[in-house]
Amino acid sequence: MRILGIETSCDETGVALYDTERGLLADALYSQVAMHADFGGVVPELASRDHTRKLLPLIQQVLDDAGLGRGDLDGIAYTAGPGLVGALMVGASTAHGLALALGIPVLGVHHMEGHLLAPMLEDEAPAFPFVALLVSGGHTQLVEVRGLGEYRLLGESVDDAAGEAFDKAAKMLGLPYPGGPQVARLAEAGDPARFRFPRPMTDRPGLDFSFSGLKTHTLTSVNALRDAGELDDRGRADIARAFEEAVVDTLVIKCRRALDQTGLKRLVVAGGVSANRRLRERLAIEVGKRRARTYYPRGRFCTDNGAMIAYVGAQRLLAGERDGTAMRAVPRWPLADLTPPTITA
């Protein structure tokens, strides 16, 4: 099957074409970051309008890159949620309209299942079962994965996601949106010994996360340096380093616990924050101590993309899942609600 994947959950328009025998044939991504940067965050209405402008040209670009036409498609997968409802509706309506015109099946898939299985697009893909850390601007979760749709939530953030905390810390430090890469870049010049921020919820058992207290600690530190007249480039870099170290340590400690509790030897790390260099370095050390292995999607598939949606859609469409006539847009959709593929139509 040749499956067209459409991702429009937030501020990136992603399209890809996946062949169940040949793998990924083509993909394209348009980011709205520059547009939203002026507002310090995503503006939902602007995001929806921009998806409307970019989606059809991107679909044509991907088909052209693959040397195929619309008539060569066997199915369409789109992100049904979670995400911004207006943005989701753009992808859902386009997918359903195109599928109806072509007489092919269409299926809405879970955005986080896409991230979860994005490493399956790599040459050295992880085998089931594994532990997955999903870490992005909207989610921080540890999941035990036994197979497609066989997911057990081990722990999640009780407040801010790690990526969200990065964005808020960046704003406190006067850095532009999006904050995660900006904080990481500034942290490279920071002194790791000057500040030590708390590692939230690591002094108690369990696999849940909390980053709101770390955010408050960061704000207190910024205000203290400002009051002392020391909030210069060095001070900001030192705070950025302390913040990044605290987030990374927290994530690594919880991953280590999850591997120990499940007895599994494979760890998948996906989502935007998975691109963080310091996180990868620390996980390589800690996971290696357990004779386990860590898997990541390639760099451009760490953030939202159409390839992961095309892959998940292909697996579920192959198993017989289909949307009905109604398109789906589900802003809030717990990953734990997913089940193994079932025939729906």
Foldseek 3Di string as FASTA:
>chain_A
DWEWFFEQFFFKTKIWIADPVPGTQFIDMDGCQVVCLVVLDGDLVVSLVVCLVPHVVRHVVNCVSNVHDLLPHQEYEYAQDAHRQSRNVSRLVVRLVSCVVNVHFYYHDHQVLLQQQLLVRDPDRDDPFAWEFEAEQQWTWIWTRHDQQDIDTFETEPDGTPQVLQSLLCVLLVHIPPRNVVLLVLLVLEDQPPDAAAQPPLVDDGQYHYCPVVSVVLNVQSVVCVVVVNSDSHSSNNSSNNSVVSSLVNSLSSSLVVCVVVVDQEYEYAADCVPRPVSVVVNCVSSVVVVHDYTYRPDVRRYRHRSSRRVSVVVQVVVADGDDSDGHHDNDDDSNPTHHHDHDD
